N, C-alpha and C. Protein backbone atom coordinates (compact mmCIF):
# COMPACT_ATOMS: atom_id res chain seq x y z
N UNK A 1 8.66 -7.38 -4.41
CA UNK A 1 8.33 -7.07 -3.32
C UNK A 1 7.59 -7.84 -2.40
N UNK A 2 7.70 -8.65 -1.54
CA UNK A 2 6.70 -10.03 -0.64
C UNK A 2 5.78 -9.28 -0.44
N UNK A 3 4.30 -9.22 -0.83
CA UNK A 3 3.20 -9.03 0.06
C UNK A 3 2.06 -9.95 0.91
N UNK A 4 1.86 -9.87 1.81
CA UNK A 4 1.02 -10.44 2.25
C UNK A 4 -0.67 -9.44 1.90
N UNK A 5 -1.41 -10.14 1.46
CA UNK A 5 -2.83 -9.42 0.84
C UNK A 5 -3.78 -9.94 1.99
N UNK A 6 -4.50 -9.31 2.43
CA UNK A 6 -5.87 -9.63 3.34
C UNK A 6 -6.98 -8.96 2.74
N UNK A 7 -8.13 -9.26 2.54
CA UNK A 7 -9.17 -8.70 2.37
C UNK A 7 -10.53 -8.93 3.33
N UNK A 8 -11.10 -8.31 4.11
CA UNK A 8 -11.93 -8.39 5.19
C UNK A 8 -13.21 -8.04 4.63
N UNK A 9 -14.47 -8.55 4.79
CA UNK A 9 -15.73 -8.23 4.63
C UNK A 9 -15.35 -8.57 2.95
N UNK A 10 -14.77 -9.41 2.26
CA UNK A 10 -15.44 -9.87 1.16
C UNK A 10 -14.39 -10.58 0.75
N UNK A 11 -14.47 -11.22 -0.63
CA UNK A 11 -13.70 -11.69 -0.99
C UNK A 11 -12.91 -11.34 -2.69
N UNK A 12 -11.95 -10.90 -2.50
CA UNK A 12 -10.84 -10.03 -3.52
C UNK A 12 -10.63 -11.38 -4.77
N UNK A 13 -10.69 -10.62 -5.63
CA UNK A 13 -10.77 -11.44 -6.89
C UNK A 13 -9.15 -11.58 -7.38
N UNK A 14 -8.44 -12.40 -7.93
CA UNK A 14 -6.92 -12.67 -8.21
C UNK A 14 -6.43 -11.19 -9.27
N UNK A 15 -7.51 -10.43 -10.20
CA UNK A 15 -7.00 -9.45 -10.81
C UNK A 15 -6.74 -8.33 -10.33
N UNK A 16 -7.91 -7.60 -9.13
CA UNK A 16 -7.50 -6.87 -8.23
C UNK A 16 -5.89 -7.57 -7.40
N UNK A 17 -5.66 -8.69 -6.95
CA UNK A 17 -4.55 -8.44 -6.15
C UNK A 17 -3.17 -8.68 -7.24
N UNK A 18 -3.49 -8.95 -8.10
CA UNK A 18 -2.38 -8.75 -8.91
C UNK A 18 -2.18 -7.34 -9.42
N UNK A 19 -3.21 -6.58 -9.64
CA UNK A 19 -2.98 -5.22 -9.76
C UNK A 19 -2.27 -4.48 -8.81
N UNK A 20 -2.55 -4.52 -7.82
CA UNK A 20 -1.91 -4.73 -6.53
C UNK A 20 -0.80 -4.81 -6.10
N UNK A 21 -0.19 -6.14 -6.54
CA UNK A 21 1.03 -6.20 -6.49
C UNK A 21 1.78 -5.75 -7.55
N UNK A 22 1.23 -5.30 -8.61
CA UNK A 22 1.84 -4.74 -9.67
C UNK A 22 2.01 -3.60 -9.28
N UNK A 23 1.35 -2.34 -8.98
CA UNK A 23 1.52 -1.28 -8.20
C UNK A 23 2.69 -0.77 -7.43
N UNK A 24 2.59 -1.83 -6.35
CA UNK A 24 3.28 -1.68 -4.94
C UNK A 24 4.97 -1.98 -5.75
N UNK A 25 5.06 -3.12 -6.53
CA UNK A 25 6.11 -3.41 -6.96
C UNK A 25 6.97 -2.06 -7.48
N UNK A 26 6.32 -1.15 -7.70
CA UNK A 26 7.26 -0.23 -8.20
C UNK A 26 7.89 0.91 -7.26
N UNK A 27 7.46 0.23 -6.11
CA UNK A 27 8.17 1.02 -4.91
C UNK A 27 9.44 0.73 -4.64
N UNK A 28 10.15 -0.53 -5.38
CA UNK A 28 11.32 -0.97 -5.26
C UNK A 28 12.31 -0.27 -6.52
N UNK A 29 11.65 0.48 -7.03
CA UNK A 29 12.34 1.34 -7.73
C UNK A 29 13.05 2.67 -7.14
N UNK A 30 12.07 2.86 -6.19
CA UNK A 30 12.41 4.17 -4.96
C UNK A 30 13.64 3.51 -4.33
N UNK A 31 13.21 2.60 -3.84
CA UNK A 31 14.48 2.15 -2.23
C UNK A 31 14.81 0.25 -2.40
N UNK A 32 15.46 -0.12 -2.52
CA UNK A 32 15.94 -1.69 -3.04
C UNK A 32 15.88 -2.19 -1.86
N UNK A 33 15.77 -1.61 -0.42
CA UNK A 33 16.11 -2.40 0.68
C UNK A 33 14.65 -2.70 1.21
N UNK A 34 13.61 -2.67 0.46
CA UNK A 34 12.06 -3.24 1.03
C UNK A 34 12.09 -4.55 1.86
N UNK A 35 11.91 -4.58 3.31
CA UNK A 35 11.76 -6.19 3.45
C UNK A 35 10.74 -6.99 3.27
N UNK A 36 9.37 -6.42 3.25
CA UNK A 36 8.44 -6.78 3.11
C UNK A 36 7.08 -5.77 3.28
N UNK A 37 5.83 -6.24 3.17
CA UNK A 37 4.71 -5.41 3.02
C UNK A 37 3.92 -6.50 3.39
N UNK A 38 2.64 -5.37 3.99
CA UNK A 38 1.15 -5.86 4.17
C UNK A 38 0.23 -5.06 3.46
N UNK A 39 -0.91 -5.66 3.20
CA UNK A 39 -2.19 -4.80 2.40
C UNK A 39 -3.43 -5.14 3.13
N UNK A 40 -4.27 -4.34 3.62
CA UNK A 40 -5.08 -4.77 3.93
C UNK A 40 -6.73 -4.28 2.94
N UNK A 41 -7.08 -4.67 2.55
CA UNK A 41 -8.28 -4.53 2.16
C UNK A 41 -10.16 -4.64 2.65
N UNK A 42 -10.25 -3.16 2.63
CA UNK A 42 -11.72 -3.37 3.50
C UNK A 42 -12.70 -2.77 2.32
N UNK A 43 -13.82 -3.45 3.00
CA UNK A 43 -15.10 -3.05 2.65
C UNK A 43 -16.08 -2.45 3.69
N UNK A 44 -16.16 -1.50 3.61
CA UNK A 44 -16.74 -0.43 5.01
C UNK A 44 -18.48 -0.03 4.05
N UNK A 45 -19.52 -0.68 4.62
CA UNK A 45 -20.73 -0.72 4.27
C UNK A 45 -21.35 0.56 4.93
N UNK A 46 -20.55 0.99 5.78
CA UNK A 46 -21.51 2.27 6.55
C UNK A 46 -20.93 3.47 5.74
N UNK A 47 -19.63 3.88 4.98
CA UNK A 47 -19.29 4.88 4.47
C UNK A 47 -19.71 5.12 3.35
N UNK A 48 -20.89 4.85 2.44
CA UNK A 48 -21.29 5.73 1.19
C UNK A 48 -20.44 5.10 0.18
N UNK A 49 -19.94 6.30 -0.55
CA UNK A 49 -19.51 6.12 -1.73
C UNK A 49 -17.93 5.55 -1.84
N UNK A 50 -17.33 6.30 -0.87
CA UNK A 50 -16.25 5.89 -0.66
C UNK A 50 -15.79 5.14 0.57
N UNK A 51 -16.17 3.87 0.07
CA UNK A 51 -16.89 2.66 0.93
C UNK A 51 -15.57 1.74 0.80
N UNK A 52 -14.73 1.95 -0.37
CA UNK A 52 -13.17 0.70 -0.20
C UNK A 52 -12.41 1.36 0.16
N UNK A 53 -11.36 0.64 1.34
CA UNK A 53 -10.17 1.34 1.68
C UNK A 53 -9.28 0.31 1.61
N UNK A 54 -7.86 1.07 1.56
CA UNK A 54 -6.68 -0.01 0.86
C UNK A 54 -5.64 0.79 2.25
N UNK A 55 -4.99 -0.29 3.37
CA UNK A 55 -4.06 0.08 4.34
C UNK A 55 -3.03 -0.38 3.82
N UNK A 56 -1.79 -0.06 3.78
CA UNK A 56 -0.70 -0.66 3.26
C UNK A 56 0.14 -0.17 4.42
N UNK A 57 1.37 -1.22 4.60
CA UNK A 57 2.18 -1.02 5.72
C UNK A 57 3.46 -1.97 5.05
N UNK A 58 4.65 -1.15 4.91
CA UNK A 58 5.86 -1.70 4.21
C UNK A 58 7.02 -1.42 5.37
N UNK A 59 7.69 -2.65 5.17
CA UNK A 59 8.54 -2.62 6.50
C UNK A 59 9.89 -2.09 6.22
N UNK A 60 10.68 -1.15 6.28
CA UNK A 60 12.19 -0.98 6.00
C UNK A 60 12.87 -1.21 6.86
N UNK A 61 14.27 -1.05 7.03
CA UNK A 61 14.88 -1.75 7.86
C UNK A 61 15.00 -0.36 9.37
N UNK A 62 14.61 -0.71 9.93
CA UNK A 62 14.52 -0.03 11.26
C UNK A 62 13.27 0.97 11.54
N UNK A 63 12.61 0.44 10.51
CA UNK A 63 10.81 1.94 10.56
C UNK A 63 9.53 0.72 9.68
N UNK A 64 8.94 1.31 10.14
CA UNK A 64 7.55 0.99 9.15
C UNK A 64 6.77 1.91 8.71
N UNK A 65 6.81 1.86 7.54
CA UNK A 65 6.15 2.67 6.83
C UNK A 65 4.35 2.57 6.75
N UNK A 66 2.99 3.52 6.63
CA UNK A 66 2.12 3.11 6.60
C UNK A 66 1.18 4.47 5.67
N UNK A 67 -0.07 3.47 5.35
CA UNK A 67 -0.92 4.44 4.78
C UNK A 67 -2.18 3.76 4.66
N UNK A 68 -3.35 4.91 4.59
CA UNK A 68 -4.83 4.21 4.66
C UNK A 68 -5.58 5.15 3.96
N UNK A 69 -5.96 4.62 2.83
CA UNK A 69 -6.80 5.33 1.79
C UNK A 69 -7.84 4.85 1.49
N UNK A 70 -8.96 5.93 1.19
CA UNK A 70 -10.19 5.29 0.62
C UNK A 70 -10.62 6.37 -0.47
N UNK A 71 -11.55 5.20 -1.21
CA UNK A 71 -12.19 5.69 -2.51
C UNK A 71 -13.13 5.23 -2.78
N UNK A 72 -13.92 5.36 -3.97
CA UNK A 72 -14.78 4.52 -4.42
C UNK A 72 -14.22 3.00 -5.27
N UNK A 73 -13.00 3.05 -5.43
CA UNK A 73 -12.84 1.85 -6.04
C UNK A 73 -11.50 1.29 -5.40
N UNK A 74 -10.90 -0.41 -5.56
CA UNK A 74 -9.92 -0.98 -4.75
C UNK A 74 -8.40 0.42 -5.25
N UNK A 75 -8.54 -0.05 -6.96
CA UNK A 75 -7.48 0.40 -7.70
C UNK A 75 -7.40 2.30 -7.46
N UNK A 76 -8.55 3.10 -7.41
CA UNK A 76 -8.11 4.29 -6.93
C UNK A 76 -6.81 4.52 -5.57
N UNK A 77 -7.76 3.96 -4.39
CA UNK A 77 -7.29 4.01 -3.24
C UNK A 77 -5.82 3.24 -3.30
N UNK A 78 -5.73 2.03 -4.06
CA UNK A 78 -4.13 1.60 -4.53
C UNK A 78 -3.19 2.77 -4.99
N UNK A 79 -3.32 3.44 -6.02
CA UNK A 79 -3.06 4.79 -6.45
C UNK A 79 -2.65 5.42 -5.09
N UNK A 80 -3.44 6.21 -4.79
CA UNK A 80 -3.82 7.18 -3.38
C UNK A 80 -2.39 6.80 -2.78
N UNK A 81 -2.70 5.31 -2.32
CA UNK A 81 -1.61 4.97 -1.37
C UNK A 81 -0.15 4.63 -1.84
N UNK A 82 0.05 4.36 -3.24
CA UNK A 82 1.71 3.90 -3.77
C UNK A 82 1.80 5.58 -3.78
N UNK A 83 0.76 6.81 -4.01
CA UNK A 83 1.76 8.09 -4.18
C UNK A 83 2.23 8.51 -2.41
N UNK A 84 1.31 7.85 -1.67
CA UNK A 84 1.71 8.23 -0.35
C UNK A 84 3.12 7.67 -0.09
N UNK A 85 3.44 6.52 -0.38
CA UNK A 85 3.81 5.34 0.06
C UNK A 85 5.73 6.21 -0.64
N UNK A 86 5.31 6.63 -2.05
CA UNK A 86 6.92 7.10 -2.52
C UNK A 86 7.24 8.04 -1.86
N UNK A 87 6.14 9.21 -1.34
CA UNK A 87 7.00 10.25 -0.64
C UNK A 87 7.58 9.93 0.37
N UNK A 88 6.49 9.08 1.14
CA UNK A 88 7.72 8.38 2.62
C UNK A 88 8.73 7.98 2.08
N UNK A 89 8.81 6.84 1.43
CA UNK A 89 10.00 6.05 0.86
C UNK A 89 11.12 7.32 0.49
N UNK A 90 10.76 8.15 0.27
CA UNK A 90 12.06 9.20 -0.08
C UNK A 90 12.42 10.04 0.77
N UNK A 91 11.54 10.30 1.32
CA UNK A 91 11.93 10.92 2.53
C UNK A 91 12.41 9.89 3.92
N UNK A 92 12.17 8.41 3.86
CA UNK A 92 13.25 8.11 4.57
C UNK A 92 14.66 7.81 4.23
N UNK A 93 14.67 8.01 2.60
CA UNK A 93 15.78 7.65 1.58
C UNK A 93 17.05 8.60 2.04
N UNK A 94 16.06 9.67 2.17
CA UNK A 94 16.54 10.98 2.33
C UNK A 94 17.30 11.29 3.83
N UNK A 95 17.04 10.79 4.63
CA UNK A 95 17.16 10.71 6.16
C UNK A 95 18.63 9.79 6.19
N UNK A 96 18.37 8.48 5.44
CA UNK A 96 19.36 7.76 5.31
C UNK A 96 20.72 8.17 5.29
N UNK A 97 20.60 9.01 4.30
CA UNK A 97 21.32 9.41 2.99
C UNK A 97 22.53 10.32 3.62
N UNK A 98 22.06 11.73 4.67
CA UNK A 98 21.97 12.94 5.14
C UNK A 98 22.72 12.14 6.94
N UNK A 99 22.51 10.92 7.28
CA UNK A 99 22.84 10.94 8.85
C UNK A 99 23.67 10.09 8.33
């Protein structure tokens, strides 16, 4: 899947970007018609421990799936975002099949 990644208020290292790409590529196993996606990595200095924010938009035909997850690390927030997007994709796919 083609992903555009943006880091806001910091410079993300290549290891983190590769980790996110690898995790979100798993979404292709649930639905093969994903067009592309956008990932926004934010560092919020006002939020205490859970100051790492991962926002993911996935574009599928006719709809945009979105999640916003906060955690103490970008890796944990990415895992949570993957879980949410997996549920959303399964629900979207079920709607397509039943209609």
